[in-house]
Amino acid sequence: MNLNQLTLPVNDMAKAKAFYLTLGAVLIVDTPHYVRFACKNEAGNLGSSFSFSLTSSAAQRKADPEAITLYFEHQALDVWVEELELKGVVFEQLPKDQSYLWREALLIDPSGNKIKLYWAGENRLNPPWRVPV
């Protein structure tokens, strides 16, 4: 099984598109009501994708713990965050080591969607508490 993509609501497509292009996503579908992005992996190849659908009812979710969270992994997390700050991206939390062995930064997109930029390395799929398979 391979996760193809996920789609979230946004209330301002232009702001959403600009925001995710700033993060480094690659725009692959662009319509007034729907956009899709692909993510480049460390080798520069396109991999997973995500999309946004325009809705007038997209709730403003300011770091709502019940909200959906998008995770984007990058080995050079701290460098990436510094580059994004230079581009004007504002973080709710700068990179921090977590008790579950991931290093994460937190930000909120223009529609209130929570985003974590992180690096987990081997612990992403093989944490010390992994269930034997």
N, C-alpha and C. Protein backbone atom coordinates (compact mmCIF):
# COMPACT_ATOMS: atom_id res chain seq x y z
N MET A 1 0.85 -1.17 0.00
CA MET A 1 0.00 0.00 0.00
C MET A 1 0.90 1.24 0.00
N ASN A 2 0.48 2.25 -0.75
CA ASN A 2 1.22 3.50 -0.82
C ASN A 2 0.22 4.65 -0.76
N LEU A 3 0.42 5.57 0.17
CA LEU A 3 -0.45 6.73 0.27
C LEU A 3 -0.20 7.63 -0.93
N ASN A 4 -1.24 7.89 -1.70
CA ASN A 4 -1.12 8.72 -2.88
C ASN A 4 -1.11 10.19 -2.52
N GLN A 5 -2.16 10.64 -1.84
CA GLN A 5 -2.25 12.05 -1.48
C GLN A 5 -3.33 12.24 -0.44
N LEU A 6 -3.41 13.44 0.09
CA LEU A 6 -4.52 13.85 0.91
C LEU A 6 -4.92 15.25 0.48
N THR A 7 -6.19 15.58 0.70
CA THR A 7 -6.73 16.87 0.29
C THR A 7 -7.32 17.58 1.50
N LEU A 8 -6.95 18.84 1.66
CA LEU A 8 -7.46 19.66 2.76
C LEU A 8 -8.19 20.87 2.21
N PRO A 9 -9.13 21.42 2.99
CA PRO A 9 -9.83 22.63 2.55
C PRO A 9 -8.97 23.87 2.81
N VAL A 10 -9.10 24.85 1.93
CA VAL A 10 -8.48 26.16 2.14
C VAL A 10 -9.52 27.23 1.82
N ASN A 11 -9.35 28.40 2.40
CA ASN A 11 -10.30 29.47 2.14
C ASN A 11 -9.74 30.57 1.24
N ASP A 12 -8.47 30.47 0.86
CA ASP A 12 -7.85 31.43 -0.05
C ASP A 12 -6.80 30.67 -0.87
N MET A 13 -7.17 30.29 -2.09
CA MET A 13 -6.29 29.45 -2.91
C MET A 13 -4.98 30.15 -3.24
N ALA A 14 -5.03 31.44 -3.54
CA ALA A 14 -3.81 32.16 -3.90
C ALA A 14 -2.81 32.16 -2.74
N LYS A 15 -3.30 32.41 -1.53
CA LYS A 15 -2.41 32.40 -0.36
C LYS A 15 -1.87 31.00 -0.11
N ALA A 16 -2.73 30.00 -0.22
CA ALA A 16 -2.30 28.61 0.00
C ALA A 16 -1.23 28.22 -1.00
N LYS A 17 -1.47 28.54 -2.26
CA LYS A 17 -0.52 28.18 -3.31
C LYS A 17 0.83 28.86 -3.06
N ALA A 18 0.82 30.14 -2.78
CA ALA A 18 2.07 30.87 -2.53
C ALA A 18 2.80 30.30 -1.31
N PHE A 19 2.07 29.99 -0.27
CA PHE A 19 2.67 29.46 0.96
C PHE A 19 3.39 28.14 0.70
N TYR A 20 2.74 27.20 0.03
CA TYR A 20 3.34 25.88 -0.18
C TYR A 20 4.44 25.91 -1.24
N LEU A 21 4.37 26.85 -2.17
CA LEU A 21 5.50 27.04 -3.10
C LEU A 21 6.71 27.55 -2.33
N THR A 22 6.49 28.42 -1.34
CA THR A 22 7.58 28.92 -0.50
C THR A 22 8.23 27.79 0.28
N LEU A 23 7.42 26.81 0.72
CA LEU A 23 7.97 25.67 1.45
C LEU A 23 8.80 24.77 0.54
N GLY A 24 8.60 24.88 -0.78
CA GLY A 24 9.37 24.06 -1.71
C GLY A 24 8.57 22.99 -2.41
N ALA A 25 7.25 22.98 -2.24
CA ALA A 25 6.42 22.01 -2.94
C ALA A 25 6.41 22.32 -4.43
N VAL A 26 6.17 21.30 -5.24
CA VAL A 26 6.15 21.43 -6.70
C VAL A 26 4.69 21.40 -7.16
N LEU A 27 4.23 22.48 -7.78
CA LEU A 27 2.86 22.58 -8.24
C LEU A 27 2.66 21.68 -9.46
N ILE A 28 1.68 20.74 -9.39
CA ILE A 28 1.45 19.85 -10.53
C ILE A 28 0.04 19.97 -11.10
N VAL A 29 -0.91 20.53 -10.35
CA VAL A 29 -2.26 20.81 -10.86
C VAL A 29 -2.64 22.18 -10.33
N ASP A 30 -3.16 23.03 -11.21
CA ASP A 30 -3.47 24.40 -10.81
C ASP A 30 -4.78 24.86 -11.44
N THR A 31 -5.85 24.86 -10.64
CA THR A 31 -7.13 25.38 -11.09
C THR A 31 -7.59 26.39 -10.04
N PRO A 32 -8.59 27.20 -10.34
CA PRO A 32 -9.07 28.17 -9.34
C PRO A 32 -9.63 27.53 -8.06
N HIS A 33 -10.13 26.30 -8.16
CA HIS A 33 -10.76 25.67 -7.00
C HIS A 33 -10.00 24.47 -6.44
N TYR A 34 -8.92 24.06 -7.10
CA TYR A 34 -8.17 22.87 -6.67
C TYR A 34 -6.73 22.98 -7.13
N VAL A 35 -5.80 22.71 -6.21
CA VAL A 35 -4.38 22.63 -6.58
C VAL A 35 -3.79 21.37 -5.97
N ARG A 36 -2.81 20.82 -6.67
CA ARG A 36 -2.09 19.66 -6.14
C ARG A 36 -0.60 19.92 -6.26
N PHE A 37 0.11 19.48 -5.25
CA PHE A 37 1.56 19.61 -5.18
C PHE A 37 2.19 18.24 -5.04
N ALA A 38 3.42 18.12 -5.50
CA ALA A 38 4.23 16.93 -5.25
C ALA A 38 5.41 17.35 -4.39
N CYS A 39 5.93 16.40 -3.66
CA CYS A 39 7.10 16.64 -2.82
C CYS A 39 8.33 16.03 -3.48
N LYS A 40 9.43 16.75 -3.45
CA LYS A 40 10.70 16.20 -3.93
C LYS A 40 11.39 15.49 -2.79
N ASN A 41 11.93 14.30 -3.09
CA ASN A 41 12.69 13.61 -2.05
C ASN A 41 14.14 14.11 -2.07
N GLU A 42 14.98 13.53 -1.24
CA GLU A 42 16.37 13.98 -1.13
C GLU A 42 17.13 13.88 -2.45
N ALA A 43 16.72 12.94 -3.32
CA ALA A 43 17.38 12.77 -4.61
C ALA A 43 16.81 13.72 -5.67
N GLY A 44 15.79 14.50 -5.29
CA GLY A 44 15.19 15.43 -6.24
C GLY A 44 14.05 14.85 -7.06
N ASN A 45 13.68 13.60 -6.78
CA ASN A 45 12.58 12.96 -7.51
C ASN A 45 11.25 13.30 -6.84
N LEU A 46 10.19 13.35 -7.65
CA LEU A 46 8.87 13.61 -7.11
C LEU A 46 8.31 12.35 -6.46
N GLY A 47 7.68 12.53 -5.31
CA GLY A 47 7.13 11.39 -4.58
C GLY A 47 5.69 11.63 -4.19
N SER A 48 5.44 11.72 -2.91
CA SER A 48 4.07 11.89 -2.41
C SER A 48 3.48 13.21 -2.88
N SER A 49 2.14 13.28 -2.81
CA SER A 49 1.47 14.50 -3.22
C SER A 49 0.40 14.87 -2.21
N PHE A 50 -0.02 16.11 -2.26
CA PHE A 50 -1.09 16.61 -1.42
C PHE A 50 -1.81 17.70 -2.19
N SER A 51 -3.06 17.97 -1.80
CA SER A 51 -3.84 18.94 -2.57
C SER A 51 -4.72 19.75 -1.64
N PHE A 52 -5.29 20.82 -2.23
CA PHE A 52 -6.20 21.70 -1.52
C PHE A 52 -7.42 21.96 -2.38
N SER A 53 -8.55 22.00 -1.73
CA SER A 53 -9.81 22.28 -2.39
C SER A 53 -10.37 23.56 -1.79
N LEU A 54 -10.75 24.49 -2.64
CA LEU A 54 -11.27 25.77 -2.17
C LEU A 54 -12.66 25.60 -1.59
N THR A 55 -12.85 26.14 -0.41
CA THR A 55 -14.16 26.11 0.23
C THR A 55 -14.35 27.39 1.02
N SER A 56 -15.53 27.92 1.02
CA SER A 56 -15.78 29.13 1.79
C SER A 56 -15.95 28.82 3.26
N SER A 57 -16.08 27.54 3.60
CA SER A 57 -16.31 27.17 4.99
C SER A 57 -15.07 26.62 5.69
N ALA A 58 -13.90 26.74 5.06
CA ALA A 58 -12.69 26.24 5.72
C ALA A 58 -12.49 26.99 7.04
N ALA A 59 -12.55 26.27 8.11
CA ALA A 59 -12.46 26.89 9.44
C ALA A 59 -11.06 27.42 9.69
N GLN A 60 -10.99 28.52 10.38
CA GLN A 60 -9.71 29.04 10.83
C GLN A 60 -9.32 28.25 12.07
N ARG A 61 -8.33 27.39 11.95
CA ARG A 61 -7.92 26.52 13.04
C ARG A 61 -6.54 26.91 13.51
N LYS A 62 -6.44 27.77 14.47
CA LYS A 62 -5.15 28.23 14.97
C LYS A 62 -4.59 27.21 15.95
N ALA A 63 -3.75 26.32 15.46
CA ALA A 63 -3.09 25.30 16.27
C ALA A 63 -4.09 24.48 17.09
N ASP A 64 -5.20 24.14 16.50
CA ASP A 64 -6.22 23.32 17.13
C ASP A 64 -5.68 21.90 17.29
N PRO A 65 -5.60 21.39 18.51
CA PRO A 65 -5.04 20.05 18.71
C PRO A 65 -5.86 18.95 18.04
N GLU A 66 -7.09 19.24 17.68
CA GLU A 66 -7.95 18.25 17.01
C GLU A 66 -7.83 18.31 15.49
N ALA A 67 -7.13 19.30 14.97
CA ALA A 67 -7.05 19.52 13.53
C ALA A 67 -6.11 18.50 12.87
N ILE A 68 -6.30 18.34 11.58
CA ILE A 68 -5.39 17.51 10.79
C ILE A 68 -4.02 18.19 10.76
N THR A 69 -2.98 17.40 10.79
CA THR A 69 -1.62 17.93 10.74
C THR A 69 -0.90 17.34 9.54
N LEU A 70 -0.30 18.19 8.72
CA LEU A 70 0.54 17.75 7.62
C LEU A 70 1.98 17.64 8.12
N TYR A 71 2.66 16.56 7.76
CA TYR A 71 4.05 16.36 8.14
C TYR A 71 4.91 16.32 6.89
N PHE A 72 5.97 17.13 6.89
CA PHE A 72 6.93 17.12 5.80
C PHE A 72 8.30 16.84 6.39
N GLU A 73 8.93 15.77 5.90
CA GLU A 73 10.22 15.34 6.44
C GLU A 73 11.37 15.87 5.60
N HIS A 74 12.44 16.30 6.29
CA HIS A 74 13.64 16.79 5.60
C HIS A 74 14.84 16.54 6.50
N GLN A 75 15.85 15.89 5.94
CA GLN A 75 17.02 15.53 6.74
C GLN A 75 17.73 16.75 7.30
N ALA A 76 17.82 17.82 6.53
CA ALA A 76 18.48 19.05 6.99
C ALA A 76 17.43 20.01 7.55
N LEU A 77 16.66 19.54 8.52
CA LEU A 77 15.53 20.30 9.06
C LEU A 77 15.92 21.70 9.52
N ASP A 78 16.95 21.81 10.32
CA ASP A 78 17.31 23.12 10.87
C ASP A 78 17.71 24.11 9.78
N VAL A 79 18.43 23.64 8.78
CA VAL A 79 18.81 24.51 7.66
C VAL A 79 17.57 24.92 6.89
N TRP A 80 16.67 23.98 6.64
CA TRP A 80 15.43 24.27 5.91
C TRP A 80 14.61 25.33 6.65
N VAL A 81 14.48 25.18 7.96
CA VAL A 81 13.72 26.15 8.76
C VAL A 81 14.37 27.53 8.68
N GLU A 82 15.68 27.59 8.78
CA GLU A 82 16.38 28.88 8.67
C GLU A 82 16.12 29.52 7.31
N GLU A 83 16.17 28.74 6.24
CA GLU A 83 15.90 29.27 4.90
C GLU A 83 14.47 29.79 4.79
N LEU A 84 13.52 29.07 5.37
CA LEU A 84 12.13 29.50 5.32
C LEU A 84 11.90 30.77 6.14
N GLU A 85 12.57 30.89 7.28
CA GLU A 85 12.45 32.11 8.07
C GLU A 85 12.96 33.32 7.28
N LEU A 86 14.03 33.13 6.52
CA LEU A 86 14.55 34.21 5.68
C LEU A 86 13.55 34.61 4.60
N LYS A 87 12.68 33.69 4.22
CA LYS A 87 11.64 33.97 3.22
C LYS A 87 10.37 34.53 3.87
N GLY A 88 10.38 34.72 5.18
CA GLY A 88 9.24 35.30 5.87
C GLY A 88 8.28 34.31 6.49
N VAL A 89 8.57 33.02 6.45
CA VAL A 89 7.68 32.03 7.06
C VAL A 89 7.81 32.14 8.59
N VAL A 90 6.67 32.23 9.26
CA VAL A 90 6.63 32.37 10.71
C VAL A 90 6.32 31.02 11.34
N PHE A 91 7.09 30.65 12.34
CA PHE A 91 6.94 29.37 13.02
C PHE A 91 6.31 29.56 14.39
N GLU A 92 5.42 28.64 14.74
CA GLU A 92 4.86 28.60 16.09
C GLU A 92 5.88 27.99 17.05
N GLN A 93 6.68 27.06 16.52
CA GLN A 93 7.73 26.41 17.31
C GLN A 93 8.90 26.11 16.39
N LEU A 94 10.08 26.52 16.79
CA LEU A 94 11.29 26.21 16.02
C LEU A 94 11.67 24.75 16.28
N PRO A 95 12.59 24.19 15.48
CA PRO A 95 12.95 22.78 15.65
C PRO A 95 13.30 22.44 17.10
N LYS A 96 12.70 21.35 17.53
CA LYS A 96 12.85 20.92 18.92
C LYS A 96 12.84 19.39 18.96
N ASP A 97 13.73 18.81 19.75
CA ASP A 97 13.74 17.36 19.93
C ASP A 97 12.54 16.95 20.77
N GLN A 98 11.81 15.95 20.28
CA GLN A 98 10.60 15.48 20.96
C GLN A 98 10.87 14.17 21.70
N SER A 99 10.04 13.86 22.68
CA SER A 99 10.22 12.64 23.47
C SER A 99 10.05 11.38 22.63
N TYR A 100 9.35 11.48 21.48
CA TYR A 100 9.16 10.33 20.60
C TYR A 100 10.24 10.23 19.54
N LEU A 101 11.36 10.92 19.77
CA LEU A 101 12.60 10.80 19.00
C LEU A 101 12.55 11.43 17.61
N TRP A 102 11.65 12.37 17.41
CA TRP A 102 11.62 13.17 16.18
C TRP A 102 12.05 14.58 16.54
N ARG A 103 12.63 15.28 15.60
CA ARG A 103 12.93 16.71 15.74
C ARG A 103 11.90 17.43 14.88
N GLU A 104 11.15 18.37 15.48
CA GLU A 104 10.03 19.00 14.79
C GLU A 104 10.00 20.51 14.95
N ALA A 105 9.49 21.15 13.89
CA ALA A 105 9.13 22.57 13.93
C ALA A 105 7.64 22.63 13.58
N LEU A 106 6.94 23.63 14.10
CA LEU A 106 5.50 23.76 13.88
C LEU A 106 5.18 25.10 13.25
N LEU A 107 4.30 25.08 12.25
CA LEU A 107 3.79 26.31 11.65
C LEU A 107 2.35 26.10 11.25
N ILE A 108 1.67 27.19 10.95
CA ILE A 108 0.27 27.16 10.56
C ILE A 108 0.15 27.80 9.18
N ASP A 109 -0.56 27.14 8.26
CA ASP A 109 -0.69 27.71 6.91
C ASP A 109 -1.77 28.80 6.91
N PRO A 110 -1.93 29.53 5.80
CA PRO A 110 -2.89 30.63 5.77
C PRO A 110 -4.34 30.25 6.04
N SER A 111 -4.72 28.97 5.89
CA SER A 111 -6.08 28.54 6.18
C SER A 111 -6.22 27.90 7.56
N GLY A 112 -5.15 27.94 8.34
CA GLY A 112 -5.20 27.41 9.69
C GLY A 112 -4.81 25.95 9.82
N ASN A 113 -4.35 25.31 8.75
CA ASN A 113 -3.90 23.93 8.81
C ASN A 113 -2.56 23.86 9.53
N LYS A 114 -2.43 22.90 10.43
CA LYS A 114 -1.21 22.72 11.20
C LYS A 114 -0.20 21.92 10.38
N ILE A 115 1.06 22.37 10.38
CA ILE A 115 2.12 21.71 9.62
C ILE A 115 3.30 21.47 10.55
N LYS A 116 3.84 20.27 10.49
CA LYS A 116 5.07 19.97 11.21
C LYS A 116 6.13 19.61 10.19
N LEU A 117 7.23 20.33 10.25
CA LEU A 117 8.42 19.99 9.48
C LEU A 117 9.29 19.20 10.43
N TYR A 118 9.80 18.07 9.99
CA TYR A 118 10.48 17.21 10.95
C TYR A 118 11.58 16.38 10.30
N TRP A 119 12.39 15.79 11.17
CA TRP A 119 13.33 14.75 10.78
C TRP A 119 13.27 13.68 11.85
N ALA A 120 13.02 12.45 11.43
CA ALA A 120 12.93 11.34 12.37
C ALA A 120 13.98 10.27 12.09
N GLY A 121 14.58 10.31 10.90
CA GLY A 121 15.57 9.30 10.57
C GLY A 121 15.01 7.90 10.70
N GLU A 122 15.80 7.01 11.24
CA GLU A 122 15.41 5.62 11.42
C GLU A 122 14.18 5.47 12.33
N ASN A 123 13.98 6.44 13.23
CA ASN A 123 12.88 6.34 14.19
C ASN A 123 11.50 6.55 13.58
N ARG A 124 11.44 7.04 12.33
CA ARG A 124 10.13 7.23 11.70
C ARG A 124 9.43 5.89 11.54
N LEU A 125 10.12 4.89 11.03
CA LEU A 125 9.52 3.57 10.81
C LEU A 125 9.99 2.51 11.80
N ASN A 126 11.06 2.79 12.51
CA ASN A 126 11.62 1.80 13.42
C ASN A 126 11.94 2.40 14.79
N PRO A 127 10.95 2.92 15.49
CA PRO A 127 11.22 3.44 16.83
C PRO A 127 11.52 2.29 17.78
N PRO A 128 12.18 2.55 18.91
CA PRO A 128 12.50 1.49 19.85
C PRO A 128 11.26 0.71 20.33
N TRP A 129 10.09 1.31 20.29
CA TRP A 129 8.86 0.68 20.77
C TRP A 129 8.03 0.06 19.64
N ARG A 130 8.63 -0.11 18.47
CA ARG A 130 7.90 -0.67 17.33
C ARG A 130 7.36 -2.06 17.64
N VAL A 131 6.18 -2.33 17.11
CA VAL A 131 5.54 -3.64 17.24
C VAL A 131 6.26 -4.60 16.31
N PRO A 132 6.65 -5.78 16.75
CA PRO A 132 7.31 -6.73 15.86
C PRO A 132 6.39 -7.14 14.71
N VAL A 133 6.96 -7.22 13.52
CA VAL A 133 6.18 -7.66 12.36
C VAL A 133 6.74 -8.93 11.78
